[in-house]
Amino acid sequence: MAPPPGPYSGTGTLALVARVSAFSFGAVYGNMKLKILKVIPHL
């Protein structure tokens, strides 16, 4: 899944990395939020 060679290859890779990291952060954050919401009623 390498970006095509050209002037936009750098920004394309950067955008892809940013998108993947943002998705990973969102998934982890949502997972933590879910766990916290599950734990709170038991307190």
PDB file of N, CA and C in Angstrom:
ATOM      1  N   MET A   1       0.846  -1.209   0.000  1.00  0.00           N
ATOM      2  CA  MET A   1       0.000   0.000   0.000  1.00  0.00           C
ATOM      3  C   MET A   1       0.876   1.251   0.000  1.00  0.00           C
ATOM      4  N   ALA A   2       1.944   1.239  -0.787  1.00  0.00           N
ATOM      5  CA  ALA A   2       2.822   2.405  -0.859  1.00  0.00           C
ATOM      6  C   ALA A   2       2.188   3.473  -1.741  1.00  0.00           C
ATOM      7  N   PRO A   3       2.318   4.750  -1.368  1.00  0.00           N
ATOM      8  CA  PRO A   3       1.746   5.831  -2.193  1.00  0.00           C
ATOM      9  C   PRO A   3       2.500   5.936  -3.514  1.00  0.00           C
ATOM     10  N   PRO A   4       1.852   6.364  -4.565  1.00  0.00           N
ATOM     11  CA  PRO A   4       2.529   6.494  -5.859  1.00  0.00           C
ATOM     12  C   PRO A   4       3.616   7.559  -5.803  1.00  0.00           C
ATOM     13  N   PRO A   5       4.738   7.344  -6.502  1.00  0.00           N
ATOM     14  CA  PRO A   5       5.815   8.337  -6.500  1.00  0.00           C
ATOM     15  C   PRO A   5       5.368   9.647  -7.128  1.00  0.00           C
ATOM     16  N   GLY A   6       5.814  10.747  -6.564  1.00  0.00           N
ATOM     17  CA  GLY A   6       5.420  12.049  -7.084  1.00  0.00           C
ATOM     18  C   GLY A   6       5.501  13.094  -5.999  1.00  0.00           C
ATOM     19  N   PRO A   7       5.118  14.329  -6.299  1.00  0.00           N
ATOM     20  CA  PRO A   7       5.232  15.416  -5.315  1.00  0.00           C
ATOM     21  C   PRO A   7       4.286  15.245  -4.126  1.00  0.00           C
ATOM     22  N   TYR A   8       3.246  14.407  -4.282  1.00  0.00           N
ATOM     23  CA  TYR A   8       2.257  14.274  -3.206  1.00  0.00           C
ATOM     24  C   TYR A   8       2.480  13.025  -2.361  1.00  0.00           C
ATOM     25  N   SER A   9       3.555  12.272  -2.645  1.00  0.00           N
ATOM     26  CA  SER A   9       3.776  11.018  -1.920  1.00  0.00           C
ATOM     27  C   SER A   9       4.019  11.272  -0.429  1.00  0.00           C
ATOM     28  N   GLY A  10       4.773  12.349  -0.121  1.00  0.00           N
ATOM     29  CA  GLY A  10       5.074  12.663   1.277  1.00  0.00           C
ATOM     30  C   GLY A  10       3.838  13.041   2.059  1.00  0.00           C
ATOM     31  N   THR A  11       3.047  13.964   1.504  1.00  0.00           N
ATOM     32  CA  THR A  11       1.843  14.418   2.198  1.00  0.00           C
ATOM     33  C   THR A  11       0.817  13.300   2.254  1.00  0.00           C
ATOM     34  N   GLY A  12       0.786  12.457   1.221  1.00  0.00           N
ATOM     35  CA  GLY A  12      -0.149  11.329   1.210  1.00  0.00           C
ATOM     36  C   GLY A  12       0.164  10.364   2.337  1.00  0.00           C
ATOM     37  N   THR A  13       1.457  10.072   2.509  1.00  0.00           N
ATOM     38  CA  THR A  13       1.878   9.185   3.591  1.00  0.00           C
ATOM     39  C   THR A  13       1.559   9.818   4.938  1.00  0.00           C
ATOM     40  N   LEU A  14       1.839  11.111   5.055  1.00  0.00           N
ATOM     41  CA  LEU A  14       1.581  11.830   6.301  1.00  0.00           C
ATOM     42  C   LEU A  14       0.100  11.797   6.641  1.00  0.00           C
ATOM     43  N   ALA A  15      -0.748  12.028   5.627  1.00  0.00           N
ATOM     44  CA  ALA A  15      -2.195  12.005   5.845  1.00  0.00           C
ATOM     45  C   ALA A  15      -2.650  10.608   6.249  1.00  0.00           C
ATOM     46  N   LEU A  16      -2.059   9.588   5.630  1.00  0.00           N
ATOM     47  CA  LEU A  16      -2.426   8.200   5.956  1.00  0.00           C
ATOM     48  C   LEU A  16      -2.035   7.873   7.393  1.00  0.00           C
ATOM     49  N   VAL A  17      -0.819   8.259   7.777  1.00  0.00           N
ATOM     50  CA  VAL A  17      -0.345   8.015   9.145  1.00  0.00           C
ATOM     51  C   VAL A  17      -1.226   8.754  10.148  1.00  0.00           C
ATOM     52  N   ALA A  18      -1.566  10.004   9.830  1.00  0.00           N
ATOM     53  CA  ALA A  18      -2.412  10.796  10.725  1.00  0.00           C
ATOM     54  C   ALA A  18      -3.788  10.153  10.876  1.00  0.00           C
ATOM     55  N   ARG A  19      -4.316   9.646   9.762  1.00  0.00           N
ATOM     56  CA  ARG A  19      -5.644   9.017   9.790  1.00  0.00           C
ATOM     57  C   ARG A  19      -5.619   7.746  10.627  1.00  0.00           C
ATOM     58  N   VAL A  20      -4.563   6.939  10.438  1.00  0.00           N
ATOM     59  CA  VAL A  20      -4.436   5.682  11.185  1.00  0.00           C
ATOM     60  C   VAL A  20      -4.267   5.949  12.676  1.00  0.00           C
ATOM     61  N   SER A  21      -3.408   6.924  13.029  1.00  0.00           N
ATOM     62  CA  SER A  21      -3.173   7.234  14.438  1.00  0.00           C
ATOM     63  C   SER A  21      -4.433   7.818  15.076  1.00  0.00           C
ATOM     64  N   ALA A  22      -5.157   8.647  14.331  1.00  0.00           N
ATOM     65  CA  ALA A  22      -6.400   9.219  14.851  1.00  0.00           C
ATOM     66  C   ALA A  22      -7.430   8.122  15.068  1.00  0.00           C
ATOM     67  N   PHE A  23      -7.506   7.164  14.140  1.00  0.00           N
ATOM     68  CA  PHE A  23      -8.443   6.049  14.279  1.00  0.00           C
ATOM     69  C   PHE A  23      -8.079   5.190  15.488  1.00  0.00           C
ATOM     70  N   SER A  24      -6.765   4.920  15.649  1.00  0.00           N
ATOM     71  CA  SER A  24      -6.299   4.117  16.784  1.00  0.00           C
ATOM     72  C   SER A  24      -6.627   4.825  18.094  1.00  0.00           C
ATOM     73  N   PHE A  25      -6.362   6.138  18.152  1.00  0.00           N
ATOM     74  CA  PHE A  25      -6.648   6.913  19.360  1.00  0.00           C
ATOM     75  C   PHE A  25      -8.145   6.885  19.660  1.00  0.00           C
ATOM     76  N   GLY A  26      -8.964   7.043  18.631  1.00  0.00           N
ATOM     77  CA  GLY A  26     -10.420   7.012  18.805  1.00  0.00           C
ATOM     78  C   GLY A  26     -10.892   5.666  19.322  1.00  0.00           C
ATOM     79  N   ALA A  27     -10.310   4.591  18.783  1.00  0.00           N
ATOM     80  CA  ALA A  27     -10.706   3.242  19.209  1.00  0.00           C
ATOM     81  C   ALA A  27     -10.326   3.013  20.679  1.00  0.00           C
ATOM     82  N   VAL A  28      -9.099   3.406  21.048  1.00  0.00           N
ATOM     83  CA  VAL A  28      -8.637   3.232  22.432  1.00  0.00           C
ATOM     84  C   VAL A  28      -9.467   4.092  23.387  1.00  0.00           C
ATOM     85  N   TYR A  29      -9.712   5.349  22.985  1.00  0.00           N
ATOM     86  CA  TYR A  29     -10.486   6.263  23.823  1.00  0.00           C
ATOM     87  C   TYR A  29     -11.902   5.743  24.023  1.00  0.00           C
ATOM     88  N   GLY A  30     -12.534   5.284  22.947  1.00  0.00           N
ATOM     89  CA  GLY A  30     -13.888   4.739  23.038  1.00  0.00           C
ATOM     90  C   GLY A  30     -13.932   3.502  23.918  1.00  0.00           C
ATOM     91  N   ASN A  31     -12.912   2.656  23.810  1.00  0.00           N
ATOM     92  CA  ASN A  31     -12.836   1.437  24.608  1.00  0.00           C
ATOM     93  C   ASN A  31     -12.713   1.768  26.090  1.00  0.00           C
ATOM     94  N   MET A  32     -11.839   2.724  26.418  1.00  0.00           N
ATOM     95  CA  MET A  32     -11.665   3.143  27.809  1.00  0.00           C
ATOM     96  C   MET A  32     -12.947   3.746  28.362  1.00  0.00           C
ATOM     97  N   LYS A  33     -13.599   4.583  27.550  1.00  0.00           N
ATOM     98  CA  LYS A  33     -14.842   5.229  27.961  1.00  0.00           C
ATOM     99  C   LYS A  33     -15.916   4.173  28.264  1.00  0.00           C
ATOM    100  N   LEU A  34     -15.982   3.159  27.406  1.00  0.00           N
ATOM    101  CA  LEU A  34     -16.946   2.075  27.598  1.00  0.00           C
ATOM    102  C   LEU A  34     -16.670   1.330  28.903  1.00  0.00           C
ATOM    103  N   LYS A  35     -15.382   1.017  29.153  1.00  0.00           N
ATOM    104  CA  LYS A  35     -15.007   0.307  30.375  1.00  0.00           C
ATOM    105  C   LYS A  35     -15.369   1.126  31.607  1.00  0.00           C
ATOM    106  N   ILE A  36     -15.090   2.436  31.559  1.00  0.00           N
ATOM    107  CA  ILE A  36     -15.390   3.319  32.693  1.00  0.00           C
ATOM    108  C   ILE A  36     -16.900   3.360  32.929  1.00  0.00           C
ATOM    109  N   LEU A  37     -17.671   3.479  31.853  1.00  0.00           N
ATOM    110  CA  LEU A  37     -19.134   3.525  31.972  1.00  0.00           C
ATOM    111  C   LEU A  37     -19.675   2.216  32.537  1.00  0.00           C
ATOM    112  N   LYS A  38     -19.021   1.105  32.206  1.00  0.00           N
ATOM    113  CA  LYS A  38     -19.459  -0.197  32.733  1.00  0.00           C
ATOM    114  C   LYS A  38     -19.135  -0.326  34.216  1.00  0.00           C
ATOM    115  N   VAL A  39     -17.998   0.267  34.620  1.00  0.00           N
ATOM    116  CA  VAL A  39     -17.539   0.139  36.017  1.00  0.00           C
ATOM    117  C   VAL A  39     -18.343   1.051  36.949  1.00  0.00           C
ATOM    118  N   ILE A  40     -18.675   2.268  36.499  1.00  0.00           N
ATOM    119  CA  ILE A  40     -19.333   3.253  37.354  1.00  0.00           C
ATOM    120  C   ILE A  40     -20.616   2.735  38.022  1.00  0.00           C
ATOM    121  N   PRO A  41     -21.551   2.064  37.329  1.00  0.00           N
ATOM    122  CA  PRO A  41     -22.778   1.612  38.017  1.00  0.00           C
ATOM    123  C   PRO A  41     -22.517   0.629  39.154  1.00  0.00           C
ATOM    124  N   HIS A  42     -21.369  -0.062  39.130  1.00  0.00           N
ATOM    125  CA  HIS A  42     -21.075  -1.041  40.167  1.00  0.00           C
ATOM    126  C   HIS A  42     -20.495  -0.404  41.429  1.00  0.00           C
ATOM    127  N   LEU A  43     -20.102   0.858  41.338  1.00  0.00           N
ATOM    128  CA  LEU A  43     -19.514   1.525  42.501  1.00  0.00           C
ATOM    129  C   LEU A  43     -20.579   1.878  43.530  1.00  0.00           C
TER     130      LEU A  43
END
